[in-house]
Amino acid sequence: MFILVNAPYIHSYQNWPNLKQFYTTFLIEELEKRGLKGLNQSIETIEIITPLDFFDKYRSNRGSIYGTSSNSVFSAFLRPRNKEKTFKNLYMVGGSTHPGGGIPLVIQSAFNAIELLSRFEKH
């Protein structure tokens, strides 16, 4: 079983080692209450990844798995473009670049970068 829980990005007041243990216990107990009886006893292997772990491994924006926040009307226009203008051969792909986070949009950002790169190679 794979369980993905949306978590807030890293803030200075969070203690992820404590939150990780507390929330793991809470989540398992809650799932058992909702019908997954015996879940806790059935767990053979458990891996818990917090926003802090995600930041340490991928250097994502404050440990966010979906990139930068997209809560404002202008956020889509403020994301970095797929082609960096300052550097000749730098193309960017991912949830924090245009068009945004989530698998379909990250794939689209890769297509955008490939298209831009192919235009560059033709010149």
PDB file of N, CA and C in Angstrom:
ATOM      1  N   MET A   1       0.852  -1.162   0.000  1.00  0.00           N
ATOM      2  CA  MET A   1       0.000   0.000   0.000  1.00  0.00           C
ATOM      3  C   MET A   1       0.902   1.230   0.000  1.00  0.00           C
ATOM      4  N   PHE A   2       0.514   2.202  -0.793  1.00  0.00           N
ATOM      5  CA  PHE A   2       1.221   3.480  -0.836  1.00  0.00           C
ATOM      6  C   PHE A   2       0.240   4.563  -0.418  1.00  0.00           C
ATOM      7  N   ILE A   3       0.632   5.372   0.530  1.00  0.00           N
ATOM      8  CA  ILE A   3      -0.234   6.448   1.011  1.00  0.00           C
ATOM      9  C   ILE A   3       0.521   7.762   0.853  1.00  0.00           C
ATOM     10  N   LEU A   4      -0.077   8.683   0.120  1.00  0.00           N
ATOM     11  CA  LEU A   4       0.501  10.009  -0.059  1.00  0.00           C
ATOM     12  C   LEU A   4      -0.360  10.996   0.716  1.00  0.00           C
ATOM     13  N   VAL A   5       0.264  11.684   1.641  1.00  0.00           N
ATOM     14  CA  VAL A   5      -0.437  12.664   2.462  1.00  0.00           C
ATOM     15  C   VAL A   5       0.115  14.040   2.114  1.00  0.00           C
ATOM     16  N   ASN A   6      -0.753  14.938   1.718  1.00  0.00           N
ATOM     17  CA  ASN A   6      -0.306  16.306   1.465  1.00  0.00           C
ATOM     18  C   ASN A   6       0.122  16.927   2.784  1.00  0.00           C
ATOM     19  N   ALA A   7       1.297  17.503   2.776  1.00  0.00           N
ATOM     20  CA  ALA A   7       1.849  18.118   3.981  1.00  0.00           C
ATOM     21  C   ALA A   7       2.254  19.551   3.654  1.00  0.00           C
ATOM     22  N   PRO A   8       2.253  20.403   4.642  1.00  0.00           N
ATOM     23  CA  PRO A   8       2.689  21.780   4.383  1.00  0.00           C
ATOM     24  C   PRO A   8       4.179  21.818   4.110  1.00  0.00           C
ATOM     25  N   TYR A   9       4.612  22.822   3.360  1.00  0.00           N
ATOM     26  CA  TYR A   9       6.046  22.964   3.122  1.00  0.00           C
ATOM     27  C   TYR A   9       6.736  23.368   4.416  1.00  0.00           C
ATOM     28  N   ILE A  10       8.043  23.354   4.402  1.00  0.00           N
ATOM     29  CA  ILE A  10       8.860  23.564   5.604  1.00  0.00           C
ATOM     30  C   ILE A  10       8.685  24.981   6.155  1.00  0.00           C
ATOM     31  N   HIS A  11       8.422  25.031   7.459  1.00  0.00           N
ATOM     32  CA  HIS A  11       8.375  26.280   8.225  1.00  0.00           C
ATOM     33  C   HIS A  11       9.348  26.136   9.393  1.00  0.00           C
ATOM     34  N   SER A  12       9.830  27.232   9.897  1.00  0.00           N
ATOM     35  CA  SER A  12      10.810  27.190  10.989  1.00  0.00           C
ATOM     36  C   SER A  12      10.234  26.626  12.288  1.00  0.00           C
ATOM     37  N   TYR A  13       8.933  26.699  12.483  1.00  0.00           N
ATOM     38  CA  TYR A  13       8.327  26.233  13.736  1.00  0.00           C
ATOM     39  C   TYR A  13       7.988  24.742  13.732  1.00  0.00           C
ATOM     40  N   GLN A  14       8.244  24.039  12.644  1.00  0.00           N
ATOM     41  CA  GLN A  14       7.932  22.619  12.573  1.00  0.00           C
ATOM     42  C   GLN A  14       9.091  21.777  13.103  1.00  0.00           C
ATOM     43  N   ASN A  15       8.733  20.692  13.739  1.00  0.00           N
ATOM     44  CA  ASN A  15       9.722  19.717  14.194  1.00  0.00           C
ATOM     45  C   ASN A  15       9.381  18.404  13.490  1.00  0.00           C
ATOM     46  N   TRP A  16       9.953  18.207  12.294  1.00  0.00           N
ATOM     47  CA  TRP A  16       9.561  17.058  11.491  1.00  0.00           C
ATOM     48  C   TRP A  16       9.859  15.707  12.129  1.00  0.00           C
ATOM     49  N   PRO A  17      10.951  15.517  12.882  1.00  0.00           N
ATOM     50  CA  PRO A  17      11.108  14.207  13.537  1.00  0.00           C
ATOM     51  C   PRO A  17       9.932  13.881  14.467  1.00  0.00           C
ATOM     52  N   ASN A  18       9.462  14.856  15.225  1.00  0.00           N
ATOM     53  CA  ASN A  18       8.304  14.620  16.101  1.00  0.00           C
ATOM     54  C   ASN A  18       7.021  14.484  15.295  1.00  0.00           C
ATOM     55  N   LEU A  19       6.830  15.369  14.325  1.00  0.00           N
ATOM     56  CA  LEU A  19       5.618  15.313  13.503  1.00  0.00           C
ATOM     57  C   LEU A  19       5.529  14.011  12.734  1.00  0.00           C
ATOM     58  N   LYS A  20       6.652  13.531  12.240  1.00  0.00           N
ATOM     59  CA  LYS A  20       6.688  12.291  11.460  1.00  0.00           C
ATOM     60  C   LYS A  20       6.141  11.122  12.285  1.00  0.00           C
ATOM     61  N   GLN A  21       6.633  10.965  13.493  1.00  0.00           N
ATOM     62  CA  GLN A  21       6.170   9.860  14.340  1.00  0.00           C
ATOM     63  C   GLN A  21       4.719  10.048  14.764  1.00  0.00           C
ATOM     64  N   PHE A  22       4.386  11.250  15.198  1.00  0.00           N
ATOM     65  CA  PHE A  22       3.012  11.528  15.631  1.00  0.00           C
ATOM     66  C   PHE A  22       2.023  11.277  14.502  1.00  0.00           C
ATOM     67  N   TYR A  23       2.301  11.834  13.325  1.00  0.00           N
ATOM     68  CA  TYR A  23       1.343  11.741  12.242  1.00  0.00           C
ATOM     69  C   TYR A  23       1.264  10.332  11.667  1.00  0.00           C
ATOM     70  N   THR A  24       2.365   9.598  11.677  1.00  0.00           N
ATOM     71  CA  THR A  24       2.334   8.205  11.218  1.00  0.00           C
ATOM     72  C   THR A  24       1.386   7.387  12.088  1.00  0.00           C
ATOM     73  N   THR A  25       1.531   7.521  13.385  1.00  0.00           N
ATOM     74  CA  THR A  25       0.651   6.810  14.327  1.00  0.00           C
ATOM     75  C   THR A  25      -0.793   7.243  14.130  1.00  0.00           C
ATOM     76  N   PHE A  26      -1.025   8.549  14.051  1.00  0.00           N
ATOM     77  CA  PHE A  26      -2.375   9.081  13.855  1.00  0.00           C
ATOM     78  C   PHE A  26      -3.002   8.530  12.580  1.00  0.00           C
ATOM     79  N   LEU A  27      -2.243   8.550  11.485  1.00  0.00           N
ATOM     80  CA  LEU A  27      -2.778   8.120  10.198  1.00  0.00           C
ATOM     81  C   LEU A  27      -3.130   6.634  10.207  1.00  0.00           C
ATOM     82  N   ILE A  28      -2.265   5.810  10.746  1.00  0.00           N
ATOM     83  CA  ILE A  28      -2.548   4.367  10.808  1.00  0.00           C
ATOM     84  C   ILE A  28      -3.788   4.109  11.658  1.00  0.00           C
ATOM     85  N   GLU A  29      -3.890   4.753  12.809  1.00  0.00           N
ATOM     86  CA  GLU A  29      -5.063   4.577  13.667  1.00  0.00           C
ATOM     87  C   GLU A  29      -6.333   5.049  12.967  1.00  0.00           C
ATOM     88  N   GLU A  30      -6.247   6.161  12.259  1.00  0.00           N
ATOM     89  CA  GLU A  30      -7.413   6.692  11.544  1.00  0.00           C
ATOM     90  C   GLU A  30      -7.854   5.751  10.422  1.00  0.00           C
ATOM     91  N   LEU A  31      -6.899   5.194   9.691  1.00  0.00           N
ATOM     92  CA  LEU A  31      -7.241   4.256   8.621  1.00  0.00           C
ATOM     93  C   LEU A  31      -7.861   2.974   9.180  1.00  0.00           C
ATOM     94  N   GLU A  32      -7.378   2.530  10.317  1.00  0.00           N
ATOM     95  CA  GLU A  32      -7.974   1.354  10.956  1.00  0.00           C
ATOM     96  C   GLU A  32      -9.416   1.643  11.396  1.00  0.00           C
ATOM     97  N   LYS A  33      -9.662   2.830  11.942  1.00  0.00           N
ATOM     98  CA  LYS A  33     -11.020   3.229  12.341  1.00  0.00           C
ATOM     99  C   LYS A  33     -11.960   3.275  11.141  1.00  0.00           C
ATOM    100  N   ARG A  34     -11.415   3.582   9.980  1.00  0.00           N
ATOM    101  CA  ARG A  34     -12.232   3.736   8.768  1.00  0.00           C
ATOM    102  C   ARG A  34     -12.348   2.451   7.952  1.00  0.00           C
ATOM    103  N   GLY A  35     -11.908   1.339   8.525  1.00  0.00           N
ATOM    104  CA  GLY A  35     -12.156   0.061   7.870  1.00  0.00           C
ATOM    105  C   GLY A  35     -10.950  -0.801   7.560  1.00  0.00           C
ATOM    106  N   LEU A  36      -9.751  -0.289   7.674  1.00  0.00           N
ATOM    107  CA  LEU A  36      -8.564  -1.104   7.400  1.00  0.00           C
ATOM    108  C   LEU A  36      -8.094  -1.786   8.693  1.00  0.00           C
ATOM    109  N   LYS A  37      -8.935  -2.656   9.214  1.00  0.00           N
ATOM    110  CA  LYS A  37      -8.663  -3.357  10.465  1.00  0.00           C
ATOM    111  C   LYS A  37      -7.375  -4.178  10.367  1.00  0.00           C
ATOM    112  N   GLY A  38      -6.533  -4.094  11.394  1.00  0.00           N
ATOM    113  CA  GLY A  38      -5.300  -4.857  11.433  1.00  0.00           C
ATOM    114  C   GLY A  38      -4.179  -4.263  10.602  1.00  0.00           C
ATOM    115  N   LEU A  39      -4.360  -3.046  10.124  1.00  0.00           N
ATOM    116  CA  LEU A  39      -3.329  -2.426   9.285  1.00  0.00           C
ATOM    117  C   LEU A  39      -1.990  -2.349  10.014  1.00  0.00           C
ATOM    118  N   ASN A  40      -1.995  -1.877  11.237  1.00  0.00           N
ATOM    119  CA  ASN A  40      -0.751  -1.699  11.985  1.00  0.00           C
ATOM    120  C   ASN A  40       0.027  -3.014  12.114  1.00  0.00           C
ATOM    121  N   GLN A  41      -0.682  -4.114  12.390  1.00  0.00           N
ATOM    122  CA  GLN A  41      -0.022  -5.407  12.538  1.00  0.00           C
ATOM    123  C   GLN A  41       0.446  -5.976  11.201  1.00  0.00           C
ATOM    124  N   SER A  42      -0.101  -5.489  10.095  1.00  0.00           N
ATOM    125  CA  SER A  42       0.234  -6.006   8.770  1.00  0.00           C
ATOM    126  C   SER A  42       1.442  -5.320   8.146  1.00  0.00           C
ATOM    127  N   ILE A  43       1.896  -4.242   8.728  1.00  0.00           N
ATOM    128  CA  ILE A  43       2.994  -3.483   8.123  1.00  0.00           C
ATOM    129  C   ILE A  43       4.303  -4.246   8.285  1.00  0.00           C
ATOM    130  N   GLU A  44       4.945  -4.555   7.159  1.00  0.00           N
ATOM    131  CA  GLU A  44       6.247  -5.215   7.171  1.00  0.00           C
ATOM    132  C   GLU A  44       7.370  -4.205   6.990  1.00  0.00           C
ATOM    133  N   THR A  45       7.159  -3.234   6.129  1.00  0.00           N
ATOM    134  CA  THR A  45       8.147  -2.203   5.851  1.00  0.00           C
ATOM    135  C   THR A  45       7.418  -0.869   5.764  1.00  0.00           C
ATOM    136  N   ILE A  46       8.018   0.140   6.338  1.00  0.00           N
ATOM    137  CA  ILE A  46       7.413   1.476   6.260  1.00  0.00           C
ATOM    138  C   ILE A  46       8.514   2.482   5.962  1.00  0.00           C
ATOM    139  N   GLU A  47       8.230   3.366   5.032  1.00  0.00           N
ATOM    140  CA  GLU A  47       9.154   4.444   4.703  1.00  0.00           C
ATOM    141  C   GLU A  47       8.359   5.739   4.738  1.00  0.00           C
ATOM    142  N   ILE A  48       8.816   6.666   5.518  1.00  0.00           N
ATOM    143  CA  ILE A  48       8.123   7.939   5.687  1.00  0.00           C
ATOM    144  C   ILE A  48       9.049   9.036   5.176  1.00  0.00           C
ATOM    145  N   ILE A  49       8.537   9.820   4.249  1.00  0.00           N
ATOM    146  CA  ILE A  49       9.301  10.917   3.669  1.00  0.00           C
ATOM    147  C   ILE A  49       8.588  12.213   4.013  1.00  0.00           C
ATOM    148  N   THR A  50       9.278  13.085   4.699  1.00  0.00           N
ATOM    149  CA  THR A  50       8.703  14.363   5.093  1.00  0.00           C
ATOM    150  C   THR A  50       9.165  15.450   4.122  1.00  0.00           C
ATOM    151  N   PRO A  51       8.559  16.634   4.188  1.00  0.00           N
ATOM    152  CA  PRO A  51       9.066  17.737   3.370  1.00  0.00           C
ATOM    153  C   PRO A  51      10.544  18.023   3.617  1.00  0.00           C
ATOM    154  N   LEU A  52      11.017  17.838   4.840  1.00  0.00           N
ATOM    155  CA  LEU A  52      12.430  18.050   5.140  1.00  0.00           C
ATOM    156  C   LEU A  52      13.299  17.042   4.381  1.00  0.00           C
ATOM    157  N   ASP A  53      12.877  15.770   4.354  1.00  0.00           N
ATOM    158  CA  ASP A  53      13.589  14.744   3.586  1.00  0.00           C
ATOM    159  C   ASP A  53      13.591  15.085   2.099  1.00  0.00           C
ATOM    160  N   PHE A  54      12.437  15.533   1.626  1.00  0.00           N
ATOM    161  CA  PHE A  54      12.299  15.872   0.210  1.00  0.00           C
ATOM    162  C   PHE A  54      13.214  17.035  -0.150  1.00  0.00           C
ATOM    163  N   PHE A  55      13.296  18.023   0.717  1.00  0.00           N
ATOM    164  CA  PHE A  55      14.186  19.157   0.488  1.00  0.00           C
ATOM    165  C   PHE A  55      15.643  18.709   0.485  1.00  0.00           C
ATOM    166  N   ASP A  56      16.021  17.890   1.476  1.00  0.00           N
ATOM    167  CA  ASP A  56      17.406  17.416   1.575  1.00  0.00           C
ATOM    168  C   ASP A  56      17.825  16.617   0.340  1.00  0.00           C
ATOM    169  N   LYS A  57      16.914  15.818  -0.194  1.00  0.00           N
ATOM    170  CA  LYS A  57      17.253  14.957  -1.328  1.00  0.00           C
ATOM    171  C   LYS A  57      17.194  15.698  -2.667  1.00  0.00           C
ATOM    172  N   TYR A  58      16.160  16.530  -2.862  1.00  0.00           N
ATOM    173  CA  TYR A  58      15.923  17.141  -4.171  1.00  0.00           C
ATOM    174  C   TYR A  58      16.114  18.659  -4.216  1.00  0.00           C
ATOM    175  N   ARG A  59      16.311  19.276  -3.056  1.00  0.00           N
ATOM    176  CA  ARG A  59      16.445  20.735  -2.972  1.00  0.00           C
ATOM    177  C   ARG A  59      15.224  21.460  -3.544  1.00  0.00           C
ATOM    178  N   SER A  60      14.063  20.837  -3.391  1.00  0.00           N
ATOM    179  CA  SER A  60      12.832  21.455  -3.881  1.00  0.00           C
ATOM    180  C   SER A  60      12.473  22.659  -3.012  1.00  0.00           C
ATOM    181  N   ASN A  61      11.660  23.523  -3.535  1.00  0.00           N
ATOM    182  CA  ASN A  61      11.271  24.745  -2.842  1.00  0.00           C
ATOM    183  C   ASN A  61      10.599  24.422  -1.503  1.00  0.00           C
ATOM    184  N   ARG A  62      11.322  24.641  -0.420  1.00  0.00           N
ATOM    185  CA  ARG A  62      10.843  24.405   0.957  1.00  0.00           C
ATOM    186  C   ARG A  62      10.260  22.998   1.156  1.00  0.00           C
ATOM    187  N   GLY A  63      10.791  22.018   0.428  1.00  0.00           N
ATOM    188  CA  GLY A  63      10.356  20.630   0.588  1.00  0.00           C
ATOM    189  C   GLY A  63       9.039  20.306  -0.085  1.00  0.00           C
ATOM    190  N   SER A  64       8.589  21.168  -0.964  1.00  0.00           N
ATOM    191  CA  SER A  64       7.315  20.974  -1.650  1.00  0.00           C
ATOM    192  C   SER A  64       7.461  19.964  -2.784  1.00  0.00           C
ATOM    193  N   ILE A  65       6.527  19.014  -2.880  1.00  0.00           N
ATOM    194  CA  ILE A  65       6.595  18.041  -3.970  1.00  0.00           C
ATOM    195  C   ILE A  65       5.979  18.579  -5.257  1.00  0.00           C
ATOM    196  N   TYR A  66       5.198  19.640  -5.168  1.00  0.00           N
ATOM    197  CA  TYR A  66       4.534  20.185  -6.353  1.00  0.00           C
ATOM    198  C   TYR A  66       5.145  21.491  -6.830  1.00  0.00           C
ATOM    199  N   GLY A  67       6.289  21.869  -6.339  1.00  0.00           N
ATOM    200  CA  GLY A  67       6.918  23.098  -6.782  1.00  0.00           C
ATOM    201  C   GLY A  67       6.427  24.306  -6.003  1.00  0.00           C
ATOM    202  N   THR A  68       6.618  25.470  -6.593  1.00  0.00           N
ATOM    203  CA  THR A  68       6.228  26.705  -5.918  1.00  0.00           C
ATOM    204  C   THR A  68       4.711  26.827  -5.843  1.00  0.00           C
ATOM    205  N   SER A  69       4.249  27.599  -4.903  1.00  0.00           N
ATOM    206  CA  SER A  69       2.818  27.788  -4.675  1.00  0.00           C
ATOM    207  C   SER A  69       2.134  28.352  -5.907  1.00  0.00           C
ATOM    208  N   SER A  70       0.912  27.903  -6.142  1.00  0.00           N
ATOM    209  CA  SER A  70       0.140  28.407  -7.277  1.00  0.00           C
ATOM    210  C   SER A  70      -1.201  28.949  -6.803  1.00  0.00           C
ATOM    211  N   ASN A  71      -1.172  29.649  -5.684  1.00  0.00           N
ATOM    212  CA  ASN A  71      -2.409  30.115  -5.077  1.00  0.00           C
ATOM    213  C   ASN A  71      -2.867  31.490  -5.541  1.00  0.00           C
ATOM    214  N   SER A  72      -2.058  32.195  -6.301  1.00  0.00           N
ATOM    215  CA  SER A  72      -2.481  33.523  -6.735  1.00  0.00           C
ATOM    216  C   SER A  72      -2.857  33.506  -8.212  1.00  0.00           C
ATOM    217  N   VAL A  73      -3.573  34.523  -8.628  1.00  0.00           N
ATOM    218  CA  VAL A  73      -4.012  34.648 -10.012  1.00  0.00           C
ATOM    219  C   VAL A  73      -2.821  34.737 -10.968  1.00  0.00           C
ATOM    220  N   PHE A  74      -1.733  35.328 -10.503  1.00  0.00           N
ATOM    221  CA  PHE A  74      -0.575  35.560 -11.365  1.00  0.00           C
ATOM    222  C   PHE A  74       0.515  34.498 -11.252  1.00  0.00           C
ATOM    223  N   SER A  75       0.330  33.490 -10.411  1.00  0.00           N
ATOM    224  CA  SER A  75       1.404  32.535 -10.149  1.00  0.00           C
ATOM    225  C   SER A  75       1.899  31.828 -11.407  1.00  0.00           C
ATOM    226  N   ALA A  76       1.006  31.493 -12.327  1.00  0.00           N
ATOM    227  CA  ALA A  76       1.427  30.820 -13.558  1.00  0.00           C
ATOM    228  C   ALA A  76       2.363  31.697 -14.384  1.00  0.00           C
ATOM    229  N   PHE A  77       2.191  33.001 -14.279  1.00  0.00           N
ATOM    230  CA  PHE A  77       3.015  33.927 -15.058  1.00  0.00           C
ATOM    231  C   PHE A  77       4.333  34.244 -14.371  1.00  0.00           C
ATOM    232  N   LEU A  78       4.430  33.900 -13.090  1.00  0.00           N
ATOM    233  CA  LEU A  78       5.638  34.203 -12.330  1.00  0.00           C
ATOM    234  C   LEU A  78       6.623  33.041 -12.270  1.00  0.00           C
ATOM    235  N   ARG A  79       6.208  31.892 -12.751  1.00  0.00           N
ATOM    236  CA  ARG A  79       7.098  30.730 -12.742  1.00  0.00           C
ATOM    237  C   ARG A  79       8.250  30.948 -13.720  1.00  0.00           C
ATOM    238  N   PRO A  80       9.420  30.386 -13.404  1.00  0.00           N
ATOM    239  CA  PRO A  80      10.537  30.486 -14.350  1.00  0.00           C
ATOM    240  C   PRO A  80      10.164  29.819 -15.677  1.00  0.00           C
ATOM    241  N   ARG A  81      10.591  30.402 -16.759  1.00  0.00           N
ATOM    242  CA  ARG A  81      10.346  29.844 -18.099  1.00  0.00           C
ATOM    243  C   ARG A  81      11.210  28.598 -18.295  1.00  0.00           C
ATOM    244  N   ASN A  82      10.897  27.840 -19.317  1.00  0.00           N
ATOM    245  CA  ASN A  82      11.647  26.617 -19.570  1.00  0.00           C
ATOM    246  C   ASN A  82      13.027  26.881 -20.181  1.00  0.00           C
ATOM    247  N   LYS A  83      13.220  28.049 -20.757  1.00  0.00           N
ATOM    248  CA  LYS A  83      14.527  28.439 -21.304  1.00  0.00           C
ATOM    249  C   LYS A  83      15.016  29.638 -20.510  1.00  0.00           C
ATOM    250  N   GLU A  84      16.166  29.466 -19.881  1.00  0.00           N
ATOM    251  CA  GLU A  84      16.785  30.557 -19.120  1.00  0.00           C
ATOM    252  C   GLU A  84      17.477  31.500 -20.099  1.00  0.00           C
ATOM    253  N   LYS A  85      17.140  32.776 -20.046  1.00  0.00           N
ATOM    254  CA  LYS A  85      17.697  33.753 -20.992  1.00  0.00           C
ATOM    255  C   LYS A  85      19.134  34.161 -20.659  1.00  0.00           C
ATOM    256  N   THR A  86      19.509  34.072 -19.395  1.00  0.00           N
ATOM    257  CA  THR A  86      20.842  34.500 -18.977  1.00  0.00           C
ATOM    258  C   THR A  86      21.935  33.567 -19.490  1.00  0.00           C
ATOM    259  N   PHE A  87      21.633  32.270 -19.536  1.00  0.00           N
ATOM    260  CA  PHE A  87      22.609  31.270 -19.948  1.00  0.00           C
ATOM    261  C   PHE A  87      22.177  30.631 -21.266  1.00  0.00           C
ATOM    262  N   LYS A  88      23.111  30.523 -22.179  1.00  0.00           N
ATOM    263  CA  LYS A  88      22.826  30.061 -23.535  1.00  0.00           C
ATOM    264  C   LYS A  88      22.200  28.663 -23.591  1.00  0.00           C
ATOM    265  N   ASN A  89      22.700  27.731 -22.797  1.00  0.00           N
ATOM    266  CA  ASN A  89      22.274  26.331 -22.914  1.00  0.00           C
ATOM    267  C   ASN A  89      21.589  25.796 -21.666  1.00  0.00           C
ATOM    268  N   LEU A  90      20.807  26.618 -20.979  1.00  0.00           N
ATOM    269  CA  LEU A  90      20.133  26.161 -19.768  1.00  0.00           C
ATOM    270  C   LEU A  90      18.633  26.085 -20.005  1.00  0.00           C
ATOM    271  N   TYR A  91      18.103  24.868 -19.891  1.00  0.00           N
ATOM    272  CA  TYR A  91      16.674  24.619 -20.043  1.00  0.00           C
ATOM    273  C   TYR A  91      16.179  24.014 -18.732  1.00  0.00           C
ATOM    274  N   MET A  92      15.006  24.420 -18.312  1.00  0.00           N
ATOM    275  CA  MET A  92      14.496  23.971 -17.010  1.00  0.00           C
ATOM    276  C   MET A  92      13.177  23.225 -17.176  1.00  0.00           C
ATOM    277  N   VAL A  93      13.046  22.168 -16.380  1.00  0.00           N
ATOM    278  CA  VAL A  93      11.863  21.315 -16.415  1.00  0.00           C
ATOM    279  C   VAL A  93      11.482  20.998 -14.982  1.00  0.00           C
ATOM    280  N   GLY A  94      10.200  20.931 -14.700  1.00  0.00           N
ATOM    281  CA  GLY A  94       9.761  20.502 -13.379  1.00  0.00           C
ATOM    282  C   GLY A  94       8.589  21.296 -12.854  1.00  0.00           C
ATOM    283  N   GLY A  95       8.147  20.929 -11.666  1.00  0.00           N
ATOM    284  CA  GLY A  95       6.961  21.513 -11.063  1.00  0.00           C
ATOM    285  C   GLY A  95       7.083  22.971 -10.698  1.00  0.00           C
ATOM    286  N   SER A  96       8.301  23.461 -10.528  1.00  0.00           N
ATOM    287  CA  SER A  96       8.471  24.868 -10.175  1.00  0.00           C
ATOM    288  C   SER A  96       8.675  25.753 -11.399  1.00  0.00           C
ATOM    289  N   THR A  97       8.721  25.139 -12.600  1.00  0.00           N
ATOM    290  CA  THR A  97       8.863  25.908 -13.821  1.00  0.00           C
ATOM    291  C   THR A  97       7.523  25.979 -14.537  1.00  0.00           C
ATOM    292  N   HIS A  98       7.493  26.687 -15.641  1.00  0.00           N
ATOM    293  CA  HIS A  98       6.279  26.798 -16.447  1.00  0.00           C
ATOM    294  C   HIS A  98       5.973  25.445 -17.081  1.00  0.00           C
ATOM    295  N   PRO A  99       4.771  24.910 -17.081  1.00  0.00           N
ATOM    296  CA  PRO A  99       3.526  25.524 -16.658  1.00  0.00           C
ATOM    297  C   PRO A  99       3.125  25.275 -15.204  1.00  0.00           C
ATOM    298  N   GLY A 100       3.807  24.373 -14.461  1.00  0.00           N
ATOM    299  CA  GLY A 100       3.459  24.199 -13.057  1.00  0.00           C
ATOM    300  C   GLY A 100       3.635  22.783 -12.553  1.00  0.00           C
ATOM    301  N   GLY A 101       3.092  22.531 -11.351  1.00  0.00           N
ATOM    302  CA  GLY A 101       3.264  21.254 -10.672  1.00  0.00           C
ATOM    303  C   GLY A 101       2.230  20.213 -11.049  1.00  0.00           C
ATOM    304  N   GLY A 102       2.535  18.980 -10.697  1.00  0.00           N
ATOM    305  CA  GLY A 102       1.679  17.843 -11.017  1.00  0.00           C
ATOM    306  C   GLY A 102       2.229  17.125 -12.245  1.00  0.00           C
ATOM    307  N   ILE A 103       2.014  15.840 -12.335  1.00  0.00           N
ATOM    308  CA  ILE A 103       2.608  15.031 -13.399  1.00  0.00           C
ATOM    309  C   ILE A 103       2.274  15.541 -14.800  1.00  0.00           C
ATOM    310  N   PRO A 104       1.018  15.815 -15.153  1.00  0.00           N
ATOM    311  CA  PRO A 104       0.752  16.285 -16.523  1.00  0.00           C
ATOM    312  C   PRO A 104       1.478  17.587 -16.865  1.00  0.00           C
ATOM    313  N   LEU A 105       1.530  18.518 -15.927  1.00  0.00           N
ATOM    314  CA  LEU A 105       2.184  19.797 -16.199  1.00  0.00           C
ATOM    315  C   LEU A 105       3.702  19.663 -16.235  1.00  0.00           C
ATOM    316  N   VAL A 106       4.261  18.779 -15.419  1.00  0.00           N
ATOM    317  CA  VAL A 106       5.714  18.541 -15.462  1.00  0.00           C
ATOM    318  C   VAL A 106       6.090  17.906 -16.800  1.00  0.00           C
ATOM    319  N   ILE A 107       5.271  16.971 -17.272  1.00  0.00           N
ATOM    320  CA  ILE A 107       5.520  16.369 -18.588  1.00  0.00           C
ATOM    321  C   ILE A 107       5.428  17.441 -19.673  1.00  0.00           C
ATOM    322  N   GLN A 108       4.452  18.332 -19.550  1.00  0.00           N
ATOM    323  CA  GLN A 108       4.328  19.419 -20.524  1.00  0.00           C
ATOM    324  C   GLN A 108       5.555  20.317 -20.497  1.00  0.00           C
ATOM    325  N   SER A 109       6.097  20.563 -19.294  1.00  0.00           N
ATOM    326  CA  SER A 109       7.302  21.404 -19.215  1.00  0.00           C
ATOM    327  C   SER A 109       8.469  20.728 -19.931  1.00  0.00           C
ATOM    328  N   ALA A 110       8.529  19.398 -19.872  1.00  0.00           N
ATOM    329  CA  ALA A 110       9.580  18.675 -20.591  1.00  0.00           C
ATOM    330  C   ALA A 110       9.390  18.818 -22.103  1.00  0.00           C
ATOM    331  N   PHE A 111       8.149  18.689 -22.573  1.00  0.00           N
ATOM    332  CA  PHE A 111       7.874  18.889 -23.999  1.00  0.00           C
ATOM    333  C   PHE A 111       8.234  20.317 -24.424  1.00  0.00           C
ATOM    334  N   ASN A 112       7.914  21.287 -23.577  1.00  0.00           N
ATOM    335  CA  ASN A 112       8.260  22.683 -23.882  1.00  0.00           C
ATOM    336  C   ASN A 112       9.766  22.840 -24.039  1.00  0.00           C
ATOM    337  N   ALA A 113      10.518  22.280 -23.098  1.00  0.00           N
ATOM    338  CA  ALA A 113      11.974  22.393 -23.144  1.00  0.00           C
ATOM    339  C   ALA A 113      12.540  21.710 -24.385  1.00  0.00           C
ATOM    340  N   ILE A 114      12.011  20.561 -24.731  1.00  0.00           N
ATOM    341  CA  ILE A 114      12.468  19.849 -25.925  1.00  0.00           C
ATOM    342  C   ILE A 114      12.191  20.682 -27.178  1.00  0.00           C
ATOM    343  N   GLU A 115      11.023  21.271 -27.249  1.00  0.00           N
ATOM    344  CA  GLU A 115      10.674  22.122 -28.391  1.00  0.00           C
ATOM    345  C   GLU A 115      11.617  23.323 -28.482  1.00  0.00           C
ATOM    346  N   LEU A 116      11.867  23.969 -27.358  1.00  0.00           N
ATOM    347  CA  LEU A 116      12.777  25.122 -27.342  1.00  0.00           C
ATOM    348  C   LEU A 116      14.199  24.713 -27.734  1.00  0.00           C
ATOM    349  N   LEU A 117      14.625  23.572 -27.238  1.00  0.00           N
ATOM    350  CA  LEU A 117      15.957  23.078 -27.571  1.00  0.00           C
ATOM    351  C   LEU A 117      16.070  22.760 -29.055  1.00  0.00           C
ATOM    352  N   SER A 118      15.037  22.153 -29.625  1.00  0.00           N
ATOM    353  CA  SER A 118      15.069  21.824 -31.063  1.00  0.00           C
ATOM    354  C   SER A 118      15.095  23.099 -31.895  1.00  0.00           C
ATOM    355  N   ARG A 119      14.425  24.160 -31.459  1.00  0.00           N
ATOM    356  CA  ARG A 119      14.487  25.442 -32.178  1.00  0.00           C
ATOM    357  C   ARG A 119      15.894  26.010 -32.129  1.00  0.00           C
ATOM    358  N   PHE A 120      16.538  25.885 -30.971  1.00  0.00           N
ATOM    359  CA  PHE A 120      17.900  26.402 -30.802  1.00  0.00           C
ATOM    360  C   PHE A 120      18.883  25.667 -31.715  1.00  0.00           C
ATOM    361  N   GLU A 121      18.730  24.337 -31.805  1.00  0.00           N
ATOM    362  CA  GLU A 121      19.643  23.532 -32.606  1.00  0.00           C
ATOM    363  C   GLU A 121      19.517  23.836 -34.103  1.00  0.00           C
ATOM    364  N   LYS A 122      18.348  24.294 -34.547  1.00  0.00           N
ATOM    365  CA  LYS A 122      18.133  24.607 -35.963  1.00  0.00           C
ATOM    366  C   LYS A 122      18.844  25.891 -36.371  1.00  0.00           C
ATOM    367  N   HIS A 123      19.190  26.735 -35.409  1.00  0.00           N
ATOM    368  CA  HIS A 123      19.816  28.029 -35.720  1.00  0.00           C
ATOM    369  C   HIS A 123      21.306  27.994 -35.562  1.00  0.00           C
TER     370      HIS A 123
END
